[in-house]
C-alpha atoms as a PDB file:
ATOM      1  CA  MET A   1     -15.950  44.799  16.128  1.00  0.00           C
ATOM      2  CA  ASN A   2     -16.591  33.931  15.441  1.00  0.00           C
ATOM      3  CA  ARG A   3     -19.386  26.385  12.541  1.00  0.00           C
ATOM      4  CA  ASN A   4     -22.070  20.626  11.895  1.00  0.00           C
ATOM      5  CA  ARG A   5     -24.335  19.250  14.213  1.00  0.00           C
ATOM      6  CA  ARG A   6     -27.625  21.125  14.145  1.00  0.00           C
ATOM      7  CA  GLU A   7     -28.001  21.767  17.867  1.00  0.00           C
ATOM      8  CA  SER A   8     -30.572  24.460  17.198  1.00  0.00           C
ATOM      9  CA  GLY A   9     -32.973  22.286  15.241  1.00  0.00           C
ATOM     10  CA  GLY A  10     -32.928  24.831  12.415  1.00  0.00           C
ATOM     11  CA  PRO A  11     -34.266  28.344  12.112  1.00  0.00           C
ATOM     12  CA  ALA A  12     -37.964  27.593  11.743  1.00  0.00           C
ATOM     13  CA  GLU A  13     -38.861  27.896  15.438  1.00  0.00           C
ATOM     14  CA  THR A  14     -38.302  31.594  16.168  1.00  0.00           C
ATOM     15  CA  PRO A  15     -37.768  32.820  19.744  1.00  0.00           C
ATOM     16  CA  ALA A  16     -40.118  35.488  21.040  1.00  0.00           C
ATOM     17  CA  VAL A  17     -38.114  38.730  21.051  1.00  0.00           C
ATOM     18  CA  LEU A  18     -34.339  39.087  20.886  1.00  0.00           C
ATOM     19  CA  ILE A  19     -31.839  41.930  21.121  1.00  0.00           C
ATOM     20  CA  ASP A  20     -28.584  41.886  19.191  1.00  0.00           C
ATOM     21  CA  THR A  21     -26.340  43.809  21.576  1.00  0.00           C
ATOM     22  CA  HIS A  22     -23.471  44.178  19.073  1.00  0.00           C
ATOM     23  CA  CYS A  23     -24.039  44.486  15.326  1.00  0.00           C
ATOM     24  CA  HIS A  24     -22.056  46.621  12.871  1.00  0.00           C
ATOM     25  CA  LEU A  25     -24.968  47.128  10.487  1.00  0.00           C
ATOM     26  CA  ASP A  26     -23.283  50.284   9.172  1.00  0.00           C
ATOM     27  CA  ALA A  27     -20.276  48.283   7.886  1.00  0.00           C
ATOM     28  CA  PRO A  28     -19.315  48.330   4.186  1.00  0.00           C
ATOM     29  CA  GLU A  29     -20.096  44.598   3.969  1.00  0.00           C
ATOM     30  CA  PHE A  30     -23.791  45.541   4.111  1.00  0.00           C
ATOM     31  CA  ALA A  31     -23.660  48.354   1.546  1.00  0.00           C
ATOM     32  CA  ALA A  32     -25.428  46.349  -1.163  1.00  0.00           C
ATOM     33  CA  ASP A  33     -28.302  44.928   0.900  1.00  0.00           C
ATOM     34  CA  ARG A  34     -28.464  46.691   4.266  1.00  0.00           C
ATOM     35  CA  ASP A  35     -32.234  47.280   4.080  1.00  0.00           C
ATOM     36  CA  ALA A  36     -32.902  43.610   3.302  1.00  0.00           C
ATOM     37  CA  VAL A  37     -30.609  42.459   6.109  1.00  0.00           C
ATOM     38  CA  ALA A  38     -32.435  44.684   8.602  1.00  0.00           C
ATOM     39  CA  ARG A  39     -35.844  43.442   7.394  1.00  0.00           C
ATOM     40  CA  GLU A  40     -34.803  39.791   7.632  1.00  0.00           C
ATOM     41  CA  ALA A  41     -33.584  40.296  11.189  1.00  0.00           C
ATOM     42  CA  ALA A  42     -36.856  41.915  12.220  1.00  0.00           C
ATOM     43  CA  VAL A  43     -38.887  39.091  10.672  1.00  0.00           C
ATOM     44  CA  ALA A  44     -36.705  36.579  12.538  1.00  0.00           C
ATOM     45  CA  GLY A  45     -37.611  38.186  15.868  1.00  0.00           C
ATOM     46  CA  VAL A  46     -34.697  40.568  16.417  1.00  0.00           C
ATOM     47  CA  ALA A  47     -36.524  43.539  17.906  1.00  0.00           C
ATOM     48  CA  ALA A  48     -33.479  45.741  18.489  1.00  0.00           C
ATOM     49  CA  MET A  49     -29.817  46.042  17.551  1.00  0.00           C
ATOM     50  CA  ILE A  50     -27.031  48.090  19.083  1.00  0.00           C
ATOM     51  CA  VAL A  51     -24.825  49.535  16.338  1.00  0.00           C
ATOM     52  CA  PRO A  52     -21.437  50.544  17.819  1.00  0.00           C
ATOM     53  CA  ALA A  53     -19.049  52.944  16.125  1.00  0.00           C
ATOM     54  CA  VAL A  54     -15.347  52.171  15.759  1.00  0.00           C
ATOM     55  CA  ALA A  55     -13.937  55.700  15.219  1.00  0.00           C
ATOM     56  CA  PRO A  56     -15.166  59.286  14.878  1.00  0.00           C
ATOM     57  CA  GLU A  57     -15.006  58.861  11.111  1.00  0.00           C
ATOM     58  CA  ASN A  58     -17.975  56.490  11.180  1.00  0.00           C
ATOM     59  CA  PHE A  59     -20.098  58.289  13.783  1.00  0.00           C
ATOM     60  CA  ALA A  60     -22.221  59.787  10.989  1.00  0.00           C
ATOM     61  CA  ALA A  61     -22.688  56.399   9.291  1.00  0.00           C
ATOM     62  CA  VAL A  62     -23.818  54.828  12.570  1.00  0.00           C
ATOM     63  CA  ARG A  63     -26.290  57.634  13.147  1.00  0.00           C
ATOM     64  CA  ALA A  64     -27.651  57.382   9.575  1.00  0.00           C
ATOM     65  CA  CYS A  65     -28.081  53.624   9.941  1.00  0.00           C
ATOM     66  CA  CYS A  66     -30.000  54.030  13.187  1.00  0.00           C
ATOM     67  CA  GLU A  67     -32.183  56.791  11.761  1.00  0.00           C
ATOM     68  CA  ARG A  68     -33.111  54.600   8.780  1.00  0.00           C
ATOM     69  CA  HIS A  69     -33.793  51.293  10.511  1.00  0.00           C
ATOM     70  CA  ALA A  70     -36.344  50.936  13.279  1.00  0.00           C
ATOM     71  CA  GLY A  71     -34.998  49.187  16.337  1.00  0.00           C
ATOM     72  CA  CYS A  72     -31.373  50.225  15.741  1.00  0.00           C
ATOM     73  CA  HIS A  73     -29.685  52.169  18.516  1.00  0.00           C
ATOM     74  CA  PRO A  74     -26.259  53.839  18.305  1.00  0.00           C
ATOM     75  CA  ALA A  75     -23.189  53.663  20.502  1.00  0.00           C
ATOM     76  CA  TYR A  76     -20.173  55.889  19.898  1.00  0.00           C
ATOM     77  CA  GLY A  77     -16.524  55.275  20.628  1.00  0.00           C
ATOM     78  CA  ALA A  78     -13.055  54.553  19.237  1.00  0.00           C
ATOM     79  CA  HIS A  79     -12.182  50.856  18.876  1.00  0.00           C
ATOM     80  CA  PRO A  80      -8.690  49.887  20.084  1.00  0.00           C
ATOM     81  CA  LEU A  81      -7.674  48.728  16.590  1.00  0.00           C
ATOM     82  CA  TYR A  82      -8.454  52.211  15.263  1.00  0.00           C
ATOM     83  CA  VAL A  83      -6.688  54.360  17.832  1.00  0.00           C
ATOM     84  CA  ASP A  84      -3.450  54.397  15.822  1.00  0.00           C
ATOM     85  CA  SER A  85      -5.296  56.237  13.055  1.00  0.00           C
ATOM     86  CA  VAL A  86      -6.937  58.931  15.202  1.00  0.00           C
ATOM     87  CA  ASP A  87      -5.473  61.800  17.181  1.00  0.00           C
ATOM     88  CA  GLU A  88      -6.383  63.032  20.614  1.00  0.00           C
ATOM     89  CA  THR A  89      -9.140  65.240  19.208  1.00  0.00           C
ATOM     90  CA  ALA A  90     -11.107  61.989  18.935  1.00  0.00           C
ATOM     91  CA  ILE A  91     -11.825  62.299  22.651  1.00  0.00           C
ATOM     92  CA  ASP A  92     -13.276  65.793  22.221  1.00  0.00           C
ATOM     93  CA  ARG A  93     -15.264  64.641  19.184  1.00  0.00           C
ATOM     94  CA  LEU A  94     -16.769  61.790  21.182  1.00  0.00           C
ATOM     95  CA  ARG A  95     -17.741  64.110  23.996  1.00  0.00           C
ATOM     96  CA  ALA A  96     -19.293  66.591  21.552  1.00  0.00           C
ATOM     97  CA  ARG A  97     -21.239  63.816  19.796  1.00  0.00           C
ATOM     98  CA  LEU A  98     -22.699  62.583  23.068  1.00  0.00           C
ATOM     99  CA  GLU A  99     -23.613  66.089  24.208  1.00  0.00           C
ATOM    100  CA  THR A 100     -25.494  66.670  20.956  1.00  0.00           C
ATOM    101  CA  GLU A 101     -27.229  63.342  20.531  1.00  0.00           C
ATOM    102  CA  LEU A 102     -28.260  62.440  24.048  1.00  0.00           C
ATOM    103  CA  ALA A 103     -30.970  65.085  23.780  1.00  0.00           C
ATOM    104  CA  GLY A 104     -31.974  64.022  20.253  1.00  0.00           C
ATOM    105  CA  PRO A 105     -34.410  61.485  18.813  1.00  0.00           C
ATOM    106  CA  HIS A 106     -31.812  58.690  18.524  1.00  0.00           C
ATOM    107  CA  PRO A 107     -29.799  58.893  21.748  1.00  0.00           C
ATOM    108  CA  PRO A 108     -26.790  56.617  22.122  1.00  0.00           C
ATOM    109  CA  LEU A 109     -27.268  53.785  24.579  1.00  0.00           C
ATOM    110  CA  ALA A 110     -23.583  53.284  25.370  1.00  0.00           C
ATOM    111  CA  VAL A 111     -20.030  54.386  24.758  1.00  0.00           C
ATOM    112  CA  GLY A 112     -18.486  51.838  22.430  1.00  0.00           C
ATOM    113  CA  GLU A 113     -16.916  49.976  20.953  1.00  0.00           C
ATOM    114  CA  ILE A 114     -13.966  50.682  23.237  1.00  0.00           C
ATOM    115  CA  GLY A 115     -11.366  48.624  25.020  1.00  0.00           C
ATOM    116  CA  LEU A 116      -8.030  46.898  24.468  1.00  0.00           C
ATOM    117  CA  ASP A 117      -6.760  44.470  21.816  1.00  0.00           C
ATOM    118  CA  PHE A 118      -3.418  42.791  22.511  1.00  0.00           C
ATOM    119  CA  TYR A 119      -3.850  40.184  19.738  1.00  0.00           C
ATOM    120  CA  VAL A 120      -2.838  41.958  16.531  1.00  0.00           C
ATOM    121  CA  PRO A 121       0.979  42.092  16.170  1.00  0.00           C
ATOM    122  CA  GLY A 122       2.605  45.484  16.706  1.00  0.00           C
ATOM    123  CA  PHE A 123      -0.063  46.863  19.036  1.00  0.00           C
ATOM    124  CA  ASP A 124       0.732  49.962  21.049  1.00  0.00           C
ATOM    125  CA  ALA A 125      -0.509  49.057  24.529  1.00  0.00           C
ATOM    126  CA  ALA A 126       0.165  52.474  26.017  1.00  0.00           C
ATOM    127  CA  ARG A 127      -1.795  54.272  23.293  1.00  0.00           C
ATOM    128  CA  GLN A 128      -4.700  51.844  23.559  1.00  0.00           C
ATOM    129  CA  GLU A 129      -4.780  52.228  27.323  1.00  0.00           C
ATOM    130  CA  PHE A 130      -4.775  56.021  27.068  1.00  0.00           C
ATOM    131  CA  PHE A 131      -7.788  56.080  24.738  1.00  0.00           C
ATOM    132  CA  PHE A 132      -9.570  53.393  26.748  1.00  0.00           C
ATOM    133  CA  ALA A 133      -9.161  55.304  30.004  1.00  0.00           C
ATOM    134  CA  GLU A 134     -10.238  58.621  28.499  1.00  0.00           C
ATOM    135  CA  GLN A 135     -13.361  57.066  26.984  1.00  0.00           C
ATOM    136  CA  LEU A 136     -14.224  55.376  30.268  1.00  0.00           C
ATOM    137  CA  LYS A 137     -14.042  58.791  31.931  1.00  0.00           C
ATOM    138  CA  ILE A 138     -16.440  60.170  29.312  1.00  0.00           C
ATOM    139  CA  ALA A 139     -18.844  57.284  29.891  1.00  0.00           C
ATOM    140  CA  ARG A 140     -18.666  57.997  33.621  1.00  0.00           C
ATOM    141  CA  ASP A 141     -19.300  61.703  33.066  1.00  0.00           C
ATOM    142  CA  PHE A 142     -22.391  60.978  30.954  1.00  0.00           C
ATOM    143  CA  ASP A 143     -23.521  58.054  33.145  1.00  0.00           C
ATOM    144  CA  LEU A 144     -23.514  55.726  30.137  1.00  0.00           C
ATOM    145  CA  PRO A 145     -22.656  52.021  30.039  1.00  0.00           C
ATOM    146  CA  VAL A 146     -19.795  50.835  27.837  1.00  0.00           C
ATOM    147  CA  LEU A 147     -19.410  48.170  25.148  1.00  0.00           C
ATOM    148  CA  LEU A 148     -16.047  46.528  25.734  1.00  0.00           C
ATOM    149  CA  HIS A 149     -13.614  44.889  23.327  1.00  0.00           C
ATOM    150  CA  THR A 150     -11.113  42.803  25.332  1.00  0.00           C
ATOM    151  CA  ARG A 151      -9.281  40.446  22.966  1.00  0.00           C
ATOM    152  CA  ARG A 152      -6.248  38.955  24.762  1.00  0.00           C
ATOM    153  CA  SER A 153      -6.559  41.810  27.264  1.00  0.00           C
ATOM    154  CA  VAL A 154      -9.196  40.898  29.836  1.00  0.00           C
ATOM    155  CA  ASP A 155      -7.062  41.385  32.941  1.00  0.00           C
ATOM    156  CA  ALA A 156      -5.683  44.715  31.683  1.00  0.00           C
ATOM    157  CA  ALA A 157      -9.215  45.906  30.903  1.00  0.00           C
ATOM    158  CA  LEU A 158     -10.474  44.852  34.326  1.00  0.00           C
ATOM    159  CA  LYS A 159      -7.620  46.710  35.992  1.00  0.00           C
ATOM    160  CA  CYS A 160      -8.585  49.891  34.142  1.00  0.00           C
ATOM    161  CA  LEU A 161     -12.270  49.426  34.983  1.00  0.00           C
ATOM    162  CA  ARG A 162     -11.469  49.077  38.671  1.00  0.00           C
ATOM    163  CA  ARG A 163      -9.491  52.305  38.522  1.00  0.00           C
ATOM    164  CA  ILE A 164     -12.113  54.269  36.559  1.00  0.00           C
ATOM    165  CA  GLY A 165     -15.522  53.250  37.732  1.00  0.00           C
ATOM    166  CA  THR A 166     -18.391  53.141  35.239  1.00  0.00           C
ATOM    167  CA  ARG A 167     -22.022  52.110  35.472  1.00  0.00           C
ATOM    168  CA  GLY A 168     -21.120  48.800  33.789  1.00  0.00           C
ATOM    169  CA  GLY A 169     -22.185  47.621  30.354  1.00  0.00           C
ATOM    170  CA  ILE A 170     -21.338  44.589  28.207  1.00  0.00           C
ATOM    171  CA  ALA A 171     -18.085  42.684  27.738  1.00  0.00           C
ATOM    172  CA  HIS A 172     -18.496  41.921  24.050  1.00  0.00           C
ATOM    173  CA  ALA A 173     -17.479  38.500  22.639  1.00  0.00           C
ATOM    174  CA  PHE A 174     -16.461  37.277  26.069  1.00  0.00           C
ATOM    175  CA  ASN A 175     -13.740  34.633  25.947  1.00  0.00           C
ATOM    176  CA  GLY A 176     -12.223  34.691  29.404  1.00  0.00           C
ATOM    177  CA  SER A 177     -12.166  32.470  32.459  1.00  0.00           C
ATOM    178  CA  ARG A 178     -14.879  31.949  35.050  1.00  0.00           C
ATOM    179  CA  ARG A 179     -12.838  34.041  37.482  1.00  0.00           C
ATOM    180  CA  GLN A 180     -12.721  36.898  34.965  1.00  0.00           C
ATOM    181  CA  ALA A 181     -16.422  36.488  34.229  1.00  0.00           C
ATOM    182  CA  ASP A 182     -17.224  36.779  37.916  1.00  0.00           C
ATOM    183  CA  GLU A 183     -15.142  39.945  38.179  1.00  0.00           C
ATOM    184  CA  PHE A 184     -17.013  41.539  35.259  1.00  0.00           C
ATOM    185  CA  LEU A 185     -20.276  40.659  36.968  1.00  0.00           C
ATOM    186  CA  ARG A 186     -19.063  42.204  40.208  1.00  0.00           C
ATOM    187  CA  LEU A 187     -18.341  45.425  38.289  1.00  0.00           C
ATOM    188  CA  GLY A 188     -21.863  45.555  36.836  1.00  0.00           C
ATOM    189  CA  PHE A 189     -21.255  44.015  33.412  1.00  0.00           C
ATOM    190  CA  ARG A 190     -23.090  41.447  31.324  1.00  0.00           C
ATOM    191  CA  LEU A 191     -21.187  39.095  29.020  1.00  0.00           C
ATOM    192  CA  GLY A 192     -21.836  38.888  25.273  1.00  0.00           C
ATOM    193  CA  PHE A 193     -22.172  35.433  23.673  1.00  0.00           C
ATOM    194  CA  GLY A 194     -22.498  34.899  19.915  1.00  0.00           C
ATOM    195  CA  GLY A 195     -21.139  32.896  17.016  1.00  0.00           C
ATOM    196  CA  ALA A 196     -18.061  31.543  18.811  1.00  0.00           C
ATOM    197  CA  MET A 197     -20.361  29.654  21.189  1.00  0.00           C
ATOM    198  CA  THR A 198     -21.797  27.609  18.290  1.00  0.00           C
ATOM    199  CA  PHE A 199     -18.562  25.671  17.628  1.00  0.00           C
ATOM    200  CA  PRO A 200     -18.428  22.286  19.404  1.00  0.00           C
ATOM    201  CA  ARG A 201     -14.681  22.681  20.042  1.00  0.00           C
ATOM    202  CA  ALA A 202     -15.184  26.006  21.868  1.00  0.00           C
ATOM    203  CA  THR A 203     -15.450  24.114  25.130  1.00  0.00           C
ATOM    204  CA  ARG A 204     -14.579  26.942  27.518  1.00  0.00           C
ATOM    205  CA  ILE A 205     -17.062  29.396  26.007  1.00  0.00           C
ATOM    206  CA  ARG A 206     -19.773  26.744  25.847  1.00  0.00           C
ATOM    207  CA  GLY A 207     -19.110  25.729  29.431  1.00  0.00           C
ATOM    208  CA  LEU A 208     -19.522  29.312  30.580  1.00  0.00           C
ATOM    209  CA  ALA A 209     -22.671  29.750  28.483  1.00  0.00           C
ATOM    210  CA  ALA A 210     -24.113  26.665  30.175  1.00  0.00           C
ATOM    211  CA  SER A 211     -23.129  27.472  33.736  1.00  0.00           C
ATOM    212  CA  LEU A 212     -23.158  31.244  34.263  1.00  0.00           C
ATOM    213  CA  PRO A 213     -26.198  32.677  36.036  1.00  0.00           C
ATOM    214  CA  GLU A 214     -28.871  33.843  33.633  1.00  0.00           C
ATOM    215  CA  GLU A 215     -28.435  37.448  34.654  1.00  0.00           C
ATOM    216  CA  ALA A 216     -24.873  37.369  33.263  1.00  0.00           C
ATOM    217  CA  ILE A 217     -25.674  36.678  29.607  1.00  0.00           C
ATOM    218  CA  VAL A 218     -26.664  38.772  26.606  1.00  0.00           C
ATOM    219  CA  LEU A 219     -26.705  37.756  22.954  1.00  0.00           C
ATOM    220  CA  GLU A 220     -24.873  39.331  20.026  1.00  0.00           C
ATOM    221  CA  THR A 221     -23.789  38.604  16.466  1.00  0.00           C
ATOM    222  CA  ASP A 222     -20.945  41.105  15.884  1.00  0.00           C
ATOM    223  CA  ALA A 223     -22.170  40.985  12.274  1.00  0.00           C
ATOM    224  CA  PRO A 224     -20.607  40.947   9.756  1.00  0.00           C
ATOM    225  CA  ASP A 225     -17.895  39.288  11.878  1.00  0.00           C
ATOM    226  CA  ILE A 226     -17.730  36.153  14.087  1.00  0.00           C
ATOM    227  CA  PRO A 227     -19.996  33.999  11.879  1.00  0.00           C
ATOM    228  CA  PRO A 228     -21.606  31.005  13.601  1.00  0.00           C
ATOM    229  CA  ALA A 229     -20.580  27.467  12.683  1.00  0.00           C
ATOM    230  CA  TRP A 230     -23.231  26.908  10.017  1.00  0.00           C
ATOM    231  CA  LEU A 231     -22.091  29.898   7.915  1.00  0.00           C
ATOM    232  CA  ASP A 232     -18.666  28.313   7.287  1.00  0.00           C
ATOM    233  CA  GLY A 233     -16.838  31.648   7.481  1.00  0.00           C
ATOM    234  CA  LYS A 234     -19.284  33.587   5.325  1.00  0.00           C
ATOM    235  CA  ARG A 235     -20.684  36.993   6.228  1.00  0.00           C
ATOM    236  CA  ASN A 236     -22.604  37.053   9.471  1.00  0.00           C
ATOM    237  CA  THR A 237     -25.925  38.932   9.775  1.00  0.00           C
ATOM    238  CA  PRO A 238     -28.220  39.858  12.680  1.00  0.00           C
ATOM    239  CA  GLY A 239     -30.794  37.443  11.284  1.00  0.00           C
ATOM    240  CA  GLU A 240     -28.643  34.595  12.631  1.00  0.00           C
ATOM    241  CA  LEU A 241     -29.406  35.593  16.222  1.00  0.00           C
ATOM    242  CA  PRO A 242     -32.384  33.230  16.674  1.00  0.00           C
ATOM    243  CA  ARG A 243     -30.231  30.208  15.813  1.00  0.00           C
ATOM    244  CA  ILE A 244     -27.469  31.459  18.106  1.00  0.00           C
ATOM    245  CA  ALA A 245     -30.088  31.804  20.843  1.00  0.00           C
ATOM    246  CA  ALA A 246     -31.244  28.251  20.132  1.00  0.00           C
ATOM    247  CA  VAL A 247     -27.693  26.948  20.651  1.00  0.00           C
ATOM    248  CA  LEU A 248     -27.604  28.730  24.012  1.00  0.00           C
ATOM    249  CA  ALA A 249     -30.942  27.134  24.885  1.00  0.00           C
ATOM    250  CA  GLY A 250     -29.517  23.704  24.071  1.00  0.00           C
ATOM    251  CA  LEU A 251     -26.424  24.277  26.178  1.00  0.00           C
ATOM    252  CA  ARG A 252     -28.518  25.372  29.156  1.00  0.00           C
ATOM    253  CA  ALA A 253     -31.282  22.775  28.665  1.00  0.00           C
ATOM    254  CA  ALA A 254     -33.727  25.685  28.505  1.00  0.00           C
ATOM    255  CA  SER A 255     -36.499  26.623  26.112  1.00  0.00           C
ATOM    256  CA  ARG A 256     -35.908  29.176  23.380  1.00  0.00           C
ATOM    257  CA  ALA A 257     -38.606  31.350  24.890  1.00  0.00           C
ATOM    258  CA  GLU A 258     -36.821  31.305  28.246  1.00  0.00           C
ATOM    259  CA  VAL A 259     -33.506  32.280  26.655  1.00  0.00           C
ATOM    260  CA  ALA A 260     -35.230  35.080  24.759  1.00  0.00           C
ATOM    261  CA  ARG A 261     -36.827  36.280  27.975  1.00  0.00           C
ATOM    262  CA  PHE A 262     -33.723  36.530  30.125  1.00  0.00           C
ATOM    263  CA  THR A 263     -31.268  37.717  27.468  1.00  0.00           C
ATOM    264  CA  THR A 264     -33.655  40.465  26.394  1.00  0.00           C
ATOM    265  CA  ALA A 265     -34.237  41.524  29.998  1.00  0.00           C
ATOM    266  CA  ASN A 266     -30.480  41.603  30.603  1.00  0.00           C
ATOM    267  CA  ALA A 267     -29.844  43.738  27.516  1.00  0.00           C
ATOM    268  CA  VAL A 268     -32.562  46.189  28.492  1.00  0.00           C
ATOM    269  CA  SER A 269     -31.134  46.471  31.992  1.00  0.00           C
ATOM    270  CA  ALA A 270     -27.500  46.787  30.868  1.00  0.00           C
ATOM    271  CA  LEU A 271     -28.171  49.443  28.251  1.00  0.00           C
ATOM    272  CA  LYS A 272     -31.057  51.259  29.919  1.00  0.00           C
ATOM    273  CA  PHE A 273     -33.418  51.588  27.028  1.00  0.00           C
ATOM    274  CA  PRO A 274     -37.210  51.226  27.324  1.00  0.00           C
ATOM    275  CA  ALA A 275     -38.380  47.703  28.020  1.00  0.00           C
ATOM    276  CA  ILE A 276     -39.304  45.591  25.042  1.00  0.00           C
ATOM    277  CA  ALA A 277     -42.372  43.413  25.285  1.00  0.00           C
ATOM    278  CA  ASN A 278     -41.461  39.727  25.119  1.00  0.00           C
ATOM    279  CA  GLY A 279     -44.189  37.257  24.533  1.00  0.00           C
END
């Protein structure tokens, strides 16, 4: 689809150029001020955002959002928490959407948000796994990367990825072990770090953010969800990305400019869109 020592030193010092690799700017939470939110992010240094769909029913909203806001790029897919409300025609609708839009002015950069979610009570693992596998096959057919949702399901997702090879992509909101991280990297994935990393008690995530090789890491907000520590549970926005990047810089004892450089390069490489100049 995670708060108060100011490790970042505040938002005044803006990194060079950043990419938010996972932002639901089309969500209803932004209905009242979406244009202002997009402007504020751009002013803060967020040069691009990936806006992933969650079901065929919001494909049109994702496209409209990306047509309206410069720097927004779509991804299309069915989120595991939505597969109970769609039928198997969703697979054909995804394929048709990709066939149409890949040749258009706003081509999708990935298939997503797709994956598995074994956290919410009452989940249907078999149904989730069916839709996940079918969407991976579509991504493979179109040679597109994928944006993965893997809450409480990392090993199951990795098993499916090994069975159905893709060109890689991004494991969104990564919260696994170092062993799992290394396996994602072996399969051609980058790992998304965002608001959860900003909480001092999130020791495992912070340890990974500090120790993984630079080529493993991309930044994301998952706005309006997973707010960073300083928002105290309030709505997240893509404009928070510079402060999230500053926390990563602190954890790695790196400069903000260096974090902006390598996370932007990783996002460009993972999602295969034209390089973005980074000063």
